[in-house]
Amino acid sequence: MTSVSPLLDEIIHKLGMSHPAAGAITTLPLMAFAAFSLLSSRLSGRYGMERVLLAALILLACGLLLRPWRGSGLLLAGTALAGMGIAVCNVLLPALINRYFPQRLGVMTGMYTVSMNLIGSLASAMSVPIARTWGLGWEKTLALWGVVALITALYWLFYMRTWPSPVPQAAAGDRAGGRMSLWRFRLSWQMTLHLGLQSFFFYIVMAWLPHIAAERGIGAETAGWMVSLMQFGGLPFNFFVPLIAVRMKDQRALVMVSAVMTVAGIACLFTDRGALLALGGALVGSAAAAAFSLSMMFFNLRTADARQAAEMSGMAQSVGYLLACTGPVLFGWLHDLTGGWNAPLYVLTGFVLVFIWAGLGAGRNTRLPGSEKEERNNLRTENSNI
């Protein structure tokens, strides 16, 4: 999906799209993430996680291959389909790690988050050079990423044939103890807010950092490098945070580290110096990468099994991406309202307090009950200790 943004000006010119329609290209995936994240765990429970992932990869490939065909309608439709496929994969991959690699959660979560962010960054960086150097134009360049998705789907099909799927588990809330809704637990909402707010911070700074830099006399090319540094700088945190988190009794210290980095990064954005603006973007990007990987770990460390991990991932990503969608709009509205960037940055700093509350709750050494019966037993234990 990140391959579109660098080619957006050319797409607008060739297709004669309006700016609102072009803006939909970037917002449709986030809307699809929010809408389809909740459905993913239900589909997985009914048809099996591996089959649903295969269908999601095929949907992703079809969406990406549909985008280059002439006409803005097909471009938007393909983008929406691709967003649906990505939403399902995002929700189910943490649960898949729980199912197949329960003893290697840290390593596999690190590899997953690094791969996702690295490939997204490379797609963004390589799309324009591929389109111009190879003479492919925006149509064939976008189609190229669809071919990559199709190859991935074929590989996953081969993987399914060579590695028998586990027997589908009963959902955590469907066991003999009564069905249980994750939406009524404070821990569920703390994990949701932790994920949502890290995306909230990241998307705001990524969207507006070039504009902040431009208003302070920094050129567009330099501002572009700032955004690249923000994305690539987080890769080490994507990998190493899960490795550290899985070895800790609880993860509250990691939450505080990411919160301090976020505040320090926002503080750098108040200045006029290019080096400090770049450092601020890098700090916010690295903090978001650390918090994202930690959120993926929470889905496995704080749940009873792979099925519940998928349900928790679906809830958190659905609400979290809705929250993230509002961030750039709110930040821009505050800028227009106040006529500057300082007030929006102060408000952004205030949201870090909510992030800390959510992260400290999610980072405690506890987990969601696997059934209503287990929840009642936990309550009786707590009451007996009072």
Protein backbone atom coordinates (compact mmCIF):
# COMPACT_ATOMS: atom_id res chain seq x y z
CA MET A 1 0.00 0.00 0.00
CA THR A 2 2.92 2.35 0.68
CA SER A 3 3.91 2.18 -3.00
CA VAL A 4 1.06 4.54 -3.95
CA SER A 5 2.08 7.69 -2.06
CA PRO A 6 5.29 8.44 -4.02
CA LEU A 7 3.39 7.99 -7.31
CA LEU A 8 0.32 9.94 -6.24
CA ASP A 9 1.08 13.14 -8.20
CA GLU A 10 1.55 11.16 -11.43
CA ILE A 11 -1.63 9.16 -10.79
CA ILE A 12 -3.64 12.36 -10.21
CA HIS A 13 -2.27 13.86 -13.44
CA LYS A 14 -2.83 10.76 -15.60
CA LEU A 15 -6.31 9.92 -14.31
CA GLY A 16 -7.51 13.48 -13.74
CA MET A 17 -8.52 12.63 -10.19
CA SER A 18 -9.70 15.25 -7.72
CA HIS A 19 -7.68 15.71 -4.55
CA PRO A 20 -10.47 14.32 -2.33
CA ALA A 21 -10.59 11.19 -4.50
CA ALA A 22 -6.81 10.92 -4.37
CA GLY A 23 -6.93 11.31 -0.60
CA ALA A 24 -9.29 8.34 -0.46
CA ILE A 25 -6.46 6.16 -1.82
CA THR A 26 -4.60 6.62 1.45
CA THR A 27 -7.62 6.58 3.80
CA LEU A 28 -9.43 3.56 2.31
CA PRO A 29 -6.87 1.04 3.63
CA LEU A 30 -7.18 2.41 7.17
CA MET A 31 -10.98 2.24 6.92
CA ALA A 32 -10.71 -1.35 5.68
CA PHE A 33 -8.35 -2.18 8.55
CA ALA A 34 -10.90 -0.89 11.05
CA ALA A 35 -13.90 -2.58 9.40
CA PHE A 36 -12.43 -6.01 8.67
CA SER A 37 -10.24 -6.50 11.73
CA LEU A 38 -13.26 -7.56 13.78
CA LEU A 39 -14.38 -10.10 11.16
CA SER A 40 -11.00 -11.78 10.90
CA SER A 41 -11.12 -13.80 14.12
CA ARG A 42 -14.68 -14.96 13.39
CA LEU A 43 -13.73 -16.12 9.90
CA SER A 44 -10.70 -17.86 11.36
CA GLY A 45 -12.82 -19.69 13.91
CA ARG A 46 -15.24 -20.88 11.25
CA TYR A 47 -12.94 -21.79 8.36
CA GLY A 48 -9.52 -22.22 9.96
CA MET A 49 -6.75 -19.69 10.36
CA GLU A 50 -4.58 -21.04 7.54
CA ARG A 51 -7.38 -21.06 4.97
CA VAL A 52 -8.48 -17.55 5.89
CA LEU A 53 -4.90 -16.30 5.56
CA LEU A 54 -4.68 -17.87 2.09
CA ALA A 55 -7.93 -16.18 1.06
CA ALA A 56 -6.63 -12.86 2.44
CA LEU A 57 -3.40 -13.15 0.43
CA ILE A 58 -5.37 -13.90 -2.75
CA LEU A 59 -7.66 -10.93 -2.04
CA LEU A 60 -4.59 -8.74 -1.50
CA ALA A 61 -3.01 -9.87 -4.78
CA CYS A 62 -6.27 -9.32 -6.70
CA GLY A 63 -6.66 -5.85 -5.23
CA LEU A 64 -3.10 -4.83 -6.06
CA LEU A 65 -3.36 -6.21 -9.61
CA LEU A 66 -6.68 -4.42 -10.14
CA ARG A 67 -5.31 -0.96 -9.25
CA PRO A 68 -3.30 -0.26 -12.45
CA TRP A 69 -6.27 -0.64 -14.80
CA ARG A 70 -7.41 2.65 -16.28
CA GLY A 71 -9.96 4.53 -14.27
CA SER A 72 -10.03 5.95 -10.78
CA GLY A 73 -12.96 3.69 -9.86
CA LEU A 74 -10.92 0.51 -10.30
CA LEU A 75 -7.98 2.11 -8.54
CA LEU A 76 -10.13 2.84 -5.48
CA ALA A 77 -11.84 -0.57 -5.62
CA GLY A 78 -8.50 -2.36 -5.83
CA THR A 79 -7.17 -0.31 -2.94
CA ALA A 80 -10.18 -1.25 -0.80
CA LEU A 81 -9.78 -4.96 -1.62
CA ALA A 82 -6.08 -4.84 -0.80
CA GLY A 83 -6.89 -3.11 2.49
CA MET A 84 -9.30 -5.91 3.39
CA GLY A 85 -6.65 -8.53 2.73
CA ILE A 86 -4.04 -6.70 4.77
CA ALA A 87 -6.49 -6.25 7.66
CA VAL A 88 -7.06 -10.01 7.91
CA CYS A 89 -3.33 -10.76 7.75
CA ASN A 90 -2.54 -8.13 10.39
CA VAL A 91 -5.01 -9.65 12.83
CA LEU A 92 -4.22 -13.32 12.30
CA LEU A 93 -0.42 -13.32 12.03
CA PRO A 94 0.19 -12.70 15.78
CA ALA A 95 -2.20 -15.57 16.55
CA LEU A 96 -0.47 -17.75 13.95
CA ILE A 97 2.84 -17.16 15.75
CA ASN A 98 1.14 -18.20 19.00
CA ARG A 99 -0.11 -21.42 17.41
CA TYR A 100 3.04 -22.58 15.61
CA PHE A 101 5.84 -20.94 17.60
CA PRO A 102 4.68 -20.66 21.25
CA GLN A 103 8.26 -21.14 22.49
CA ARG A 104 9.71 -18.52 20.12
CA LEU A 105 7.27 -15.65 20.49
CA GLY A 106 9.97 -12.98 20.79
CA VAL A 107 12.03 -14.00 17.75
CA MET A 108 9.07 -14.63 15.47
CA THR A 109 7.23 -11.44 16.49
CA GLY A 110 10.42 -9.46 15.87
CA MET A 111 10.88 -11.02 12.44
CA TYR A 112 7.23 -10.37 11.57
CA THR A 113 7.22 -6.69 12.55
CA VAL A 114 10.62 -5.99 10.94
CA SER A 115 9.54 -7.67 7.68
CA MET A 116 6.28 -5.75 7.56
CA ASN A 117 7.86 -2.35 8.16
CA LEU A 118 10.96 -2.99 6.04
CA ILE A 119 8.99 -4.11 2.99
CA GLY A 120 6.58 -1.19 3.40
CA SER A 121 9.49 1.25 3.57
CA LEU A 122 11.20 -0.33 0.56
CA ALA A 123 8.00 -0.20 -1.49
CA SER A 124 7.72 3.50 -0.72
CA ALA A 125 11.37 4.18 -1.55
CA MET A 126 11.59 2.01 -4.68
CA SER A 127 8.35 2.80 -6.51
CA VAL A 128 9.50 6.03 -8.18
CA PRO A 129 12.95 4.69 -9.22
CA ILE A 130 11.32 1.56 -10.67
CA ALA A 131 8.71 3.59 -12.56
CA ARG A 132 11.29 5.99 -14.03
CA THR A 133 14.48 3.94 -14.39
CA TRP A 134 12.81 0.88 -15.84
CA GLY A 135 10.27 2.96 -17.77
CA LEU A 136 7.33 1.01 -16.35
CA GLY A 137 5.13 3.96 -15.47
CA TRP A 138 2.87 4.01 -12.45
CA GLU A 139 0.55 1.28 -13.80
CA LYS A 140 3.10 -1.51 -14.19
CA THR A 141 4.94 -0.43 -11.06
CA LEU A 142 1.81 -0.89 -8.96
CA ALA A 143 1.10 -4.20 -10.72
CA LEU A 144 4.59 -5.41 -9.78
CA TRP A 145 3.67 -5.39 -6.09
CA GLY A 146 0.56 -7.40 -6.94
CA VAL A 147 2.78 -10.06 -8.49
CA VAL A 148 4.82 -10.17 -5.27
CA ALA A 149 1.60 -10.72 -3.29
CA LEU A 150 0.51 -13.47 -5.69
CA ILE A 151 3.85 -15.28 -5.28
CA THR A 152 3.40 -15.06 -1.51
CA ALA A 153 -0.08 -16.59 -1.79
CA LEU A 154 1.27 -19.48 -3.88
CA TYR A 155 4.04 -20.07 -1.35
CA TRP A 156 1.50 -20.12 1.47
CA LEU A 157 -0.61 -22.64 -0.46
CA PHE A 158 2.45 -24.88 -0.78
CA TYR A 159 3.17 -24.39 2.92
CA MET A 160 -0.37 -25.49 3.82
CA ARG A 161 0.03 -28.68 1.79
CA THR A 162 3.34 -29.65 3.37
CA TRP A 163 2.49 -28.72 6.97
CA PRO A 164 -0.86 -30.10 8.17
CA SER A 165 -3.01 -27.49 9.84
CA PRO A 166 -3.62 -27.86 13.57
CA VAL A 167 -7.04 -29.06 14.62
CA PRO A 168 -9.21 -25.93 15.03
CA GLN A 169 -9.47 -24.99 18.69
CA ALA A 170 -12.62 -23.99 20.47
CA ALA A 171 -12.58 -20.27 21.03
CA ALA A 172 -11.42 -19.25 24.49
CA GLY A 173 -14.90 -18.10 25.41
CA ASP A 174 -16.65 -21.16 23.93
CA ARG A 175 -15.15 -23.70 26.31
CA ALA A 176 -17.17 -25.32 29.03
CA GLY A 177 -17.25 -22.24 31.19
CA GLY A 178 -19.37 -19.93 29.11
CA ARG A 179 -18.83 -17.59 26.21
CA MET A 180 -16.87 -14.46 27.12
CA SER A 181 -16.67 -11.04 25.49
CA LEU A 182 -13.29 -9.34 25.53
CA TRP A 183 -14.91 -5.91 25.20
CA ARG A 184 -15.85 -5.72 28.90
CA PHE A 185 -12.35 -6.15 30.32
CA ARG A 186 -10.17 -3.20 31.28
CA LEU A 187 -7.09 -5.13 30.14
CA SER A 188 -8.58 -5.50 26.64
CA TRP A 189 -9.13 -1.75 26.39
CA GLN A 190 -5.67 -1.01 27.74
CA MET A 191 -4.11 -3.18 25.02
CA THR A 192 -6.37 -1.52 22.46
CA LEU A 193 -5.43 2.01 23.50
CA HIS A 194 -1.75 1.12 23.67
CA LEU A 195 -1.82 -0.03 20.05
CA GLY A 196 -4.14 2.75 18.87
CA LEU A 197 -2.18 5.60 20.42
CA GLN A 198 1.18 4.46 19.07
CA SER A 199 -0.40 4.54 15.59
CA PHE A 200 -2.01 7.89 16.46
CA PHE A 201 1.41 9.42 17.23
CA PHE A 202 3.13 7.81 14.25
CA TYR A 203 0.60 8.81 11.59
CA ILE A 204 0.37 12.38 12.88
CA VAL A 205 4.11 12.98 12.81
CA MET A 206 4.62 11.15 9.51
CA ALA A 207 1.83 13.16 7.86
CA TRP A 208 2.75 16.59 9.21
CA LEU A 209 6.53 16.53 9.75
CA PRO A 210 7.23 17.69 6.15
CA HIS A 211 4.79 20.59 6.60
CA ILE A 212 6.27 21.56 9.97
CA ALA A 213 9.74 21.48 8.40
CA ALA A 214 8.61 23.51 5.36
CA GLU A 215 7.13 26.26 7.52
CA ARG A 216 10.48 26.47 9.31
CA GLY A 217 12.46 26.98 6.12
CA ILE A 218 13.57 23.41 5.39
CA GLY A 219 13.45 22.12 1.81
CA ALA A 220 11.11 19.39 0.61
CA GLU A 221 13.94 16.96 -0.19
CA THR A 222 15.39 17.27 3.30
CA ALA A 223 11.93 16.84 4.81
CA GLY A 224 11.50 13.68 2.74
CA TRP A 225 14.69 12.27 4.21
CA MET A 226 13.34 13.06 7.68
CA VAL A 227 10.29 10.89 7.00
CA SER A 228 12.51 8.08 5.66
CA LEU A 229 14.67 8.27 8.77
CA MET A 230 11.53 8.10 10.88
CA GLN A 231 10.50 4.85 9.17
CA PHE A 232 13.85 3.08 8.89
CA GLY A 233 15.05 4.19 12.33
CA GLY A 234 12.41 2.05 14.00
CA LEU A 235 13.49 -1.25 12.45
CA PRO A 236 15.95 -2.24 15.23
CA PHE A 237 13.24 -1.58 17.81
CA ASN A 238 10.80 -3.72 15.82
CA PHE A 239 13.14 -6.67 16.17
CA PHE A 240 14.78 -6.32 19.58
CA VAL A 241 11.82 -5.19 21.71
CA PRO A 242 9.98 -8.56 21.40
CA LEU A 243 13.21 -10.41 22.25
CA ILE A 244 13.57 -8.33 25.41
CA ALA A 245 9.86 -8.37 26.30
CA VAL A 246 9.53 -12.15 26.29
CA ARG A 247 12.31 -12.41 28.89
CA MET A 248 10.74 -9.93 31.31
CA LYS A 249 8.31 -10.72 34.12
CA ASP A 250 6.26 -7.73 33.02
CA GLN A 251 6.80 -5.12 30.33
CA ARG A 252 5.99 -1.85 32.09
CA ALA A 253 9.59 -0.64 31.87
CA LEU A 254 9.47 -0.97 28.07
CA VAL A 255 6.24 1.04 28.00
CA MET A 256 7.92 3.86 29.92
CA VAL A 257 10.94 3.83 27.60
CA SER A 258 8.71 4.25 24.54
CA ALA A 259 6.70 6.99 26.31
CA VAL A 260 9.85 8.94 27.24
CA MET A 261 11.13 8.63 23.65
CA THR A 262 7.78 9.92 22.34
CA VAL A 263 7.82 12.96 24.64
CA ALA A 264 11.46 13.70 23.75
CA GLY A 265 10.62 13.41 20.04
CA ILE A 266 7.65 15.76 20.32
CA ALA A 267 9.80 18.25 22.25
CA CYS A 268 12.27 18.33 19.35
CA LEU A 269 9.44 19.32 16.99
CA PHE A 270 9.05 22.68 18.75
CA THR A 271 12.44 23.84 17.41
CA ASP A 272 13.45 25.47 14.12
CA ARG A 273 16.67 23.49 13.71
CA GLY A 274 16.63 20.85 10.98
CA ALA A 275 18.81 18.40 12.91
CA LEU A 276 16.50 18.48 15.92
CA LEU A 277 13.40 18.12 13.74
CA ALA A 278 14.97 15.04 12.14
CA LEU A 279 15.86 13.69 15.59
CA GLY A 280 12.30 14.31 16.77
CA GLY A 281 10.84 12.37 13.87
CA ALA A 282 13.31 9.52 14.42
CA LEU A 283 12.49 9.35 18.14
CA VAL A 284 8.73 9.27 17.56
CA GLY A 285 9.16 6.67 14.81
CA SER A 286 11.41 4.48 16.97
CA ALA A 287 9.06 4.78 19.95
CA ALA A 288 6.09 3.82 17.76
CA ALA A 289 8.02 0.84 16.37
CA ALA A 290 8.87 -0.33 19.89
CA ALA A 291 5.26 0.11 21.05
CA PHE A 292 3.87 -1.66 17.97
CA SER A 293 6.07 -4.72 18.49
CA LEU A 294 5.18 -4.71 22.18
CA SER A 295 1.47 -4.61 21.28
CA MET A 296 1.91 -7.65 19.06
CA MET A 297 3.55 -9.42 22.02
CA PHE A 298 0.71 -8.40 24.35
CA PHE A 299 -1.81 -10.18 22.12
CA ASN A 300 0.00 -13.45 22.88
CA LEU A 301 1.28 -12.82 26.42
CA ARG A 302 -2.05 -11.56 27.79
CA THR A 303 -4.42 -14.11 26.21
CA ALA A 304 -5.29 -17.74 26.92
CA ASP A 305 -4.65 -19.27 23.47
CA ALA A 306 -4.25 -18.55 19.76
CA ARG A 307 -7.99 -18.12 19.19
CA GLN A 308 -8.31 -15.54 21.95
CA ALA A 309 -5.15 -13.85 20.66
CA ALA A 310 -6.85 -13.46 17.26
CA GLU A 311 -9.98 -12.02 18.89
CA MET A 312 -7.91 -9.58 20.95
CA SER A 313 -5.90 -8.58 17.89
CA GLY A 314 -9.12 -7.97 15.96
CA MET A 315 -10.59 -5.77 18.67
CA ALA A 316 -7.40 -3.76 19.19
CA GLN A 317 -6.69 -3.21 15.51
CA SER A 318 -10.27 -2.29 14.65
CA VAL A 319 -10.57 0.37 17.35
CA GLY A 320 -6.90 1.30 17.09
CA TYR A 321 -6.99 2.13 13.40
CA LEU A 322 -10.18 4.15 13.86
CA LEU A 323 -8.31 6.17 16.47
CA ALA A 324 -5.27 6.48 14.20
CA CYS A 325 -7.47 7.80 11.35
CA THR A 326 -8.53 10.75 13.48
CA GLY A 327 -4.99 11.80 14.40
CA PRO A 328 -3.79 13.67 11.29
CA VAL A 329 -7.20 15.33 10.86
CA LEU A 330 -7.33 16.49 14.50
CA PHE A 331 -3.75 17.76 14.36
CA GLY A 332 -4.41 19.72 11.16
CA TRP A 333 -7.64 21.17 12.57
CA LEU A 334 -5.83 22.37 15.70
CA HIS A 335 -3.18 23.99 13.50
CA ASP A 336 -5.82 25.88 11.52
CA LEU A 337 -7.63 26.83 14.72
CA THR A 338 -4.56 28.20 16.52
CA GLY A 339 -2.48 29.34 13.54
CA GLY A 340 0.63 27.44 14.59
CA TRP A 341 2.11 24.08 15.49
CA ASN A 342 2.81 24.59 19.20
CA ALA A 343 -0.74 24.08 20.48
CA PRO A 344 -1.24 20.82 18.51
CA LEU A 345 2.12 19.57 19.83
CA TYR A 346 1.09 20.34 23.42
CA VAL A 347 -2.16 18.42 22.91
CA LEU A 348 -0.19 15.53 21.41
CA THR A 349 2.02 15.49 24.51
CA GLY A 350 -1.11 15.26 26.66
CA PHE A 351 -2.17 12.10 24.85
CA VAL A 352 1.07 10.48 26.01
CA LEU A 353 -0.40 10.39 29.54
CA VAL A 354 -3.26 8.20 28.27
CA PHE A 355 -0.70 6.06 26.43
CA ILE A 356 1.24 5.58 29.68
CA TRP A 357 -1.90 4.57 31.60
CA ALA A 358 -2.88 2.06 28.92
CA GLY A 359 0.64 0.68 28.54
CA LEU A 360 1.26 0.25 32.27
CA GLY A 361 -2.01 -1.66 32.54
CA ALA A 362 -1.26 -3.85 29.53
CA GLY A 363 2.31 -4.41 30.70
CA ARG A 364 1.35 -6.01 34.02
CA ASN A 365 2.05 -9.72 34.49
CA THR A 366 -1.53 -10.89 34.03
CA ARG A 367 -3.77 -12.24 31.29
CA LEU A 368 -7.37 -12.35 30.19
CA PRO A 369 -9.43 -15.25 31.57
CA GLY A 370 -10.09 -18.04 29.09
CA SER A 371 -13.74 -18.48 30.09
CA GLU A 372 -16.48 -17.15 32.34
CA LYS A 373 -15.70 -19.96 34.79
CA GLU A 374 -12.06 -18.94 34.99
CA GLU A 375 -13.09 -15.32 35.52
CA ARG A 376 -15.35 -16.30 38.43
CA ASN A 377 -12.54 -18.35 39.96
CA ASN A 378 -10.18 -15.38 39.65
CA LEU A 379 -12.69 -13.11 41.37
CA ARG A 380 -13.13 -15.59 44.23
CA THR A 381 -9.36 -15.78 44.63
CA GLU A 382 -9.06 -11.99 44.72
CA ASN A 383 -11.87 -11.70 47.28
CA SER A 384 -10.30 -14.34 49.52
CA ASN A 385 -7.06 -12.34 49.53
CA ILE A 386 -8.75 -9.14 50.70
